[in-house]
């Protein structure tokens, strides 16, 4: 949806903002696109229903615009394609706020801009062709004049509506993503007043050679047998005496 303020990309709020149907219907671009859809419907419906009649000289149905079938075929083709395109672009306008990729939005806006501009020119050609052929029509007896005038009139209105759609699409394309604040990394400027020099000369590195020492096992003298071993446990007595008074004698009876 069209946004006039805040962060947006190509005239539409960023993804995640939700979809407001009533706001979407009330925005100018949607209203003009619906009008273009109605005008295209009137043009090709008027020709397909009342644009061909049987002349008094031939039984074959011919176009009411100076019996020029090419004029009717051209108006029908332009009207049908414009009718379908309006439906497609309405759906695209509703889906545009949900596009998170700015590149996809750019392609959608470019497609709208190109198609709207092309159909503004084609509707101008259609109006000029139908108006000139209607002016050259001599025998208008039996011709539904209201259908012919409606076709010419709404072809002219379609020029205006598609030109307005082109203007809206061009505004979206020019707006781009300038309103979106994207943080970028900026390299800090060099401090020329720093006490440290800007460059340091590499010092020469002289590795030292490691010489492993030779391990010589030491021969120890045998432990003398005459010296008592202080860590040797004393032998256990064969019959340990119970603890108590050794001079106690039991009484005799």
Protein backbone atom coordinates (compact mmCIF):
# COMPACT_ATOMS: atom_id res chain seq x y z
CA UNK A 1 0.00 0.00 0.00
CA UNK A 2 1.10 3.53 -0.68
CA UNK A 3 3.02 5.10 2.17
CA UNK A 4 3.73 8.78 2.54
CA UNK A 5 6.02 8.57 5.56
CA UNK A 6 8.21 6.13 7.43
CA UNK A 7 10.48 3.45 6.09
CA UNK A 8 9.28 2.03 2.81
CA UNK A 9 10.54 0.51 -0.41
CA UNK A 10 9.13 1.58 -3.77
CA UNK A 11 6.23 3.44 -2.18
CA UNK A 12 5.10 0.49 -0.06
CA UNK A 13 5.66 -0.13 3.63
CA UNK A 14 8.17 -2.74 4.65
CA UNK A 15 7.19 -6.37 4.89
CA UNK A 16 5.51 -7.38 8.13
CA UNK A 17 3.27 -4.34 8.42
CA UNK A 18 0.10 -6.31 7.60
CA UNK A 19 -2.57 -5.70 4.99
CA UNK A 20 -5.42 -3.21 5.46
CA UNK A 21 -8.14 -3.96 2.89
CA UNK A 22 -10.07 -0.71 3.42
CA UNK A 23 -6.94 1.37 3.12
CA UNK A 24 -5.97 -0.54 0.00
CA UNK A 25 -9.35 0.08 -1.66
CA UNK A 26 -9.32 3.79 -0.82
CA UNK A 27 -5.85 4.55 -2.16
CA UNK A 28 -5.81 6.52 -5.48
CA UNK A 29 -3.92 3.92 -7.47
CA UNK A 30 -6.47 1.21 -6.68
CA UNK A 31 -9.39 3.49 -7.59
CA UNK A 32 -7.85 4.44 -10.94
CA UNK A 33 -7.05 0.81 -11.71
CA UNK A 34 -10.65 -0.23 -11.02
CA UNK A 35 -11.84 2.55 -13.34
CA UNK A 36 -9.49 1.28 -16.04
CA UNK A 37 -10.93 -2.19 -15.56
CA UNK A 38 -14.50 -0.86 -15.99
CA UNK A 39 -13.62 1.20 -19.08
CA UNK A 40 -11.93 -1.77 -20.76
CA UNK A 41 -14.98 -3.92 -20.00
CA UNK A 42 -17.30 -1.36 -21.60
CA UNK A 43 -15.17 -1.07 -24.75
CA UNK A 44 -14.84 -4.74 -25.64
CA UNK A 45 -18.33 -5.65 -24.38
CA UNK A 46 -19.95 -2.95 -26.53
CA UNK A 47 -18.19 -4.18 -29.65
CA UNK A 48 -18.71 -7.89 -29.05
CA UNK A 49 -22.44 -7.45 -28.40
CA UNK A 50 -23.42 -4.65 -30.79
CA UNK A 51 -20.34 -3.92 -32.85
CA UNK A 52 -21.21 -6.14 -35.82
CA UNK A 53 -24.31 -5.81 -38.01
CA UNK A 54 -25.50 -7.24 -41.30
CA UNK A 55 -25.41 -4.66 -44.07
CA UNK A 56 -28.10 -4.35 -46.72
CA UNK A 57 -25.66 -5.35 -49.44
CA UNK A 58 -24.19 -8.45 -47.78
CA UNK A 59 -25.32 -11.12 -45.38
CA UNK A 60 -21.96 -11.10 -43.63
CA UNK A 61 -21.79 -9.18 -40.35
CA UNK A 62 -19.41 -6.25 -40.56
CA UNK A 63 -18.02 -3.77 -38.04
CA UNK A 64 -20.14 -0.71 -37.30
CA UNK A 65 -17.08 1.54 -37.67
CA UNK A 66 -17.13 2.08 -41.45
CA UNK A 67 -17.32 -1.69 -41.96
CA UNK A 68 -13.67 -1.91 -40.94
CA UNK A 69 -13.29 -5.20 -39.13
CA UNK A 70 -9.70 -4.39 -38.21
CA UNK A 71 -10.87 -1.47 -36.06
CA UNK A 72 -13.26 -3.70 -34.11
CA UNK A 73 -10.68 -6.45 -33.72
CA UNK A 74 -8.08 -3.99 -32.47
CA UNK A 75 -10.46 -2.48 -29.90
CA UNK A 76 -11.54 -5.91 -28.66
CA UNK A 77 -7.95 -7.09 -28.30
CA UNK A 78 -6.80 -3.99 -26.44
CA UNK A 79 -9.86 -4.08 -24.19
CA UNK A 80 -9.58 -7.76 -23.25
CA UNK A 81 -5.86 -7.54 -22.47
CA UNK A 82 -6.38 -4.35 -20.43
CA UNK A 83 -9.24 -6.02 -18.54
CA UNK A 84 -7.07 -9.00 -17.56
CA UNK A 85 -4.07 -6.82 -16.80
CA UNK A 86 -6.08 -4.71 -14.37
CA UNK A 87 -7.04 -7.81 -12.42
CA UNK A 88 -3.43 -9.03 -12.38
CA UNK A 89 -2.00 -5.71 -11.25
CA UNK A 90 -4.65 -5.34 -8.56
CA UNK A 91 -3.51 -8.65 -7.12
CA UNK A 92 0.11 -7.56 -7.47
CA UNK A 93 -0.60 -4.30 -5.63
CA UNK A 94 -2.17 -6.25 -2.78
CA UNK A 95 0.79 -8.67 -2.62
CA UNK A 96 3.49 -5.99 -2.92
CA UNK A 97 3.65 -5.17 0.84
CA UNK A 98 4.43 -8.82 1.58
CA UNK A 99 7.52 -8.85 -0.66
CA UNK A 100 10.54 -8.72 1.62
CA UNK A 101 13.03 -8.49 -1.25
CA UNK A 102 13.48 -4.97 -2.62
CA UNK A 103 14.62 -6.37 -5.97
CA UNK A 104 11.31 -8.20 -6.45
CA UNK A 105 9.43 -5.00 -5.68
CA UNK A 106 11.55 -3.17 -8.21
CA UNK A 107 10.70 -5.69 -10.94
CA UNK A 108 7.00 -5.47 -10.08
CA UNK A 109 7.01 -1.67 -10.25
CA UNK A 110 8.98 -1.74 -13.52
CA UNK A 111 6.44 -4.15 -15.02
CA UNK A 112 3.59 -1.86 -13.95
CA UNK A 113 5.40 1.16 -15.37
CA UNK A 114 6.15 -0.46 -18.71
CA UNK A 115 2.70 -1.96 -19.21
CA UNK A 116 0.84 1.18 -18.15
CA UNK A 117 2.91 3.35 -20.44
CA UNK A 118 2.45 1.00 -23.38
CA UNK A 119 -1.31 0.73 -22.88
CA UNK A 120 -1.66 4.49 -22.60
CA UNK A 121 -0.22 4.73 -26.11
CA UNK A 122 -2.27 1.80 -27.44
CA UNK A 123 -5.50 3.29 -26.09
CA UNK A 124 -4.61 6.55 -27.80
CA UNK A 125 -4.19 4.67 -31.08
CA UNK A 126 -7.49 2.87 -30.47
CA UNK A 127 -9.32 6.14 -29.83
CA UNK A 128 -7.92 7.77 -32.95
CA UNK A 129 -8.75 4.72 -35.08
CA UNK A 130 -12.34 4.36 -33.84
CA UNK A 131 -13.03 8.09 -34.00
CA UNK A 132 -11.74 8.38 -37.56
CA UNK A 133 -13.64 5.31 -38.74
CA UNK A 134 -16.84 6.46 -37.08
CA UNK A 135 -16.50 9.85 -38.79
CA UNK A 136 -16.15 8.10 -42.15
CA UNK A 137 -19.24 5.96 -41.64
CA UNK A 138 -21.86 7.17 -44.15
CA UNK A 139 -24.79 4.86 -43.67
CA UNK A 140 -25.71 4.80 -39.96
CA UNK A 141 -29.19 3.39 -40.44
CA UNK A 142 -29.61 0.32 -38.30
CA UNK A 143 -26.33 0.98 -36.47
CA UNK A 144 -26.46 1.10 -32.64
CA UNK A 145 -25.08 4.59 -32.30
CA UNK A 146 -25.00 4.46 -28.51
CA UNK A 147 -22.67 1.47 -28.56
CA UNK A 148 -20.39 3.17 -31.08
CA UNK A 149 -20.23 6.42 -29.10
CA UNK A 150 -19.68 4.55 -25.84
CA UNK A 151 -16.79 2.67 -27.39
CA UNK A 152 -15.13 5.85 -28.61
CA UNK A 153 -15.79 7.74 -25.36
CA UNK A 154 -14.46 5.06 -23.01
CA UNK A 155 -11.45 4.56 -25.23
CA UNK A 156 -10.64 8.20 -24.60
CA UNK A 157 -11.20 7.80 -20.86
CA UNK A 158 -8.88 4.81 -20.86
CA UNK A 159 -6.06 7.00 -22.16
CA UNK A 160 -6.37 9.20 -19.09
CA UNK A 161 -6.63 6.39 -16.55
CA UNK A 162 -3.67 4.46 -17.91
CA UNK A 163 -1.62 7.65 -18.10
CA UNK A 164 -2.37 8.26 -14.41
CA UNK A 165 -1.32 4.69 -13.60
CA UNK A 166 1.91 5.33 -15.47
CA UNK A 167 2.50 8.43 -13.36
CA UNK A 168 1.90 6.50 -10.12
CA UNK A 169 4.25 3.71 -11.19
CA UNK A 170 6.92 6.23 -12.17
CA UNK A 171 6.62 7.86 -8.75
CA UNK A 172 7.11 4.51 -7.04
CA UNK A 173 10.11 3.70 -9.20
CA UNK A 174 11.78 7.05 -8.51
CA UNK A 175 11.15 6.74 -4.80
CA UNK A 176 13.02 3.45 -4.66
CA UNK A 177 14.52 2.52 -1.31
CA UNK A 178 15.88 5.95 -0.41
CA UNK A 179 13.62 6.16 2.63
CA UNK A 180 14.97 2.95 4.15
CA UNK A 181 17.86 3.50 6.54
CA UNK A 182 20.42 0.77 5.95
CA UNK A 183 23.39 0.81 8.36
CA UNK A 184 26.68 0.65 6.52
CA UNK A 185 30.20 0.25 7.88
CA UNK A 186 32.44 3.29 7.42
CA UNK A 187 36.14 2.88 8.04
CA UNK A 188 37.28 5.34 10.75
CA UNK A 189 39.76 7.99 9.65
CA UNK A 190 43.41 7.49 10.48
CA UNK A 191 44.70 9.25 13.57
CA UNK A 192 47.87 11.07 12.53
CA UNK A 193 48.52 12.28 16.10
CA UNK A 194 48.99 8.77 17.44
CA UNK A 195 52.25 8.37 19.46
CA UNK A 196 52.85 5.02 17.85
CA UNK A 197 54.53 4.84 14.47
CA UNK A 198 52.24 3.81 11.64
CA UNK A 199 54.48 0.91 10.70
CA UNK A 200 56.79 -1.36 12.62
CA UNK A 201 59.96 -2.88 11.22
CA UNK A 202 59.98 -6.62 11.74
CA UNK A 203 62.71 -7.86 14.08
CA UNK A 204 65.01 -10.63 12.97
CA UNK A 205 64.28 -13.94 14.57
CA UNK A 206 67.25 -16.25 15.24
CA UNK A 207 66.07 -19.60 16.46
CA UNK A 208 68.36 -21.32 18.95
CA UNK A 209 69.53 -24.85 18.37
CA UNK A 210 68.36 -27.31 20.95
CA UNK A 211 71.03 -29.79 22.06
CA UNK A 212 69.56 -32.58 24.11
CA UNK A 213 71.63 -33.68 27.07
CA UNK A 214 72.82 -37.24 27.34
CA UNK A 215 71.40 -39.06 30.34
CA UNK A 216 73.87 -41.32 32.08
CA UNK A 217 72.37 -43.69 34.60
CA UNK A 218 74.02 -43.49 38.06
CA UNK A 219 75.21 -46.67 39.69
CA UNK A 220 74.18 -46.86 43.29
CA UNK A 221 76.05 -48.95 45.87
CA UNK A 222 74.34 -51.88 47.47
CA UNK A 223 72.64 -51.13 50.75
CA UNK A 224 74.83 -52.46 53.64
CA UNK A 225 73.40 -55.49 55.29
CA UNK A 226 74.64 -54.55 58.74
CA UNK A 227 72.53 -51.46 59.02
CA UNK A 228 69.06 -52.22 60.28
CA UNK A 229 66.21 -51.28 58.13
CA UNK A 230 64.29 -48.61 59.92
CA UNK A 231 61.24 -49.18 57.78
CA UNK A 232 61.08 -52.92 58.51
CA UNK A 233 58.05 -53.88 60.57
CA UNK A 234 58.70 -55.84 63.80
CA UNK A 235 57.70 -59.48 63.76
CA UNK A 236 54.45 -60.44 65.32
CA UNK A 237 54.66 -62.35 68.68
CA UNK A 238 53.59 -65.96 68.42
CA UNK A 239 51.24 -65.82 71.38
CA UNK A 240 50.03 -62.36 72.10
CA UNK A 241 49.27 -61.80 75.78
CA UNK A 242 45.87 -60.37 76.61
CA UNK A 243 45.93 -56.93 77.98
CA UNK A 244 45.22 -56.41 81.66
CA UNK A 245 46.89 -56.92 85.04
CA UNK A 246 49.63 -59.51 84.70
CA UNK A 247 49.94 -60.13 88.56
CA UNK A 248 46.31 -61.13 89.05
CA UNK A 249 45.86 -64.64 90.53
CA UNK A 250 42.46 -66.26 90.82
CA UNK A 251 41.40 -67.00 94.45
CA UNK A 252 41.45 -70.60 95.69
CA UNK A 253 38.41 -72.07 97.40
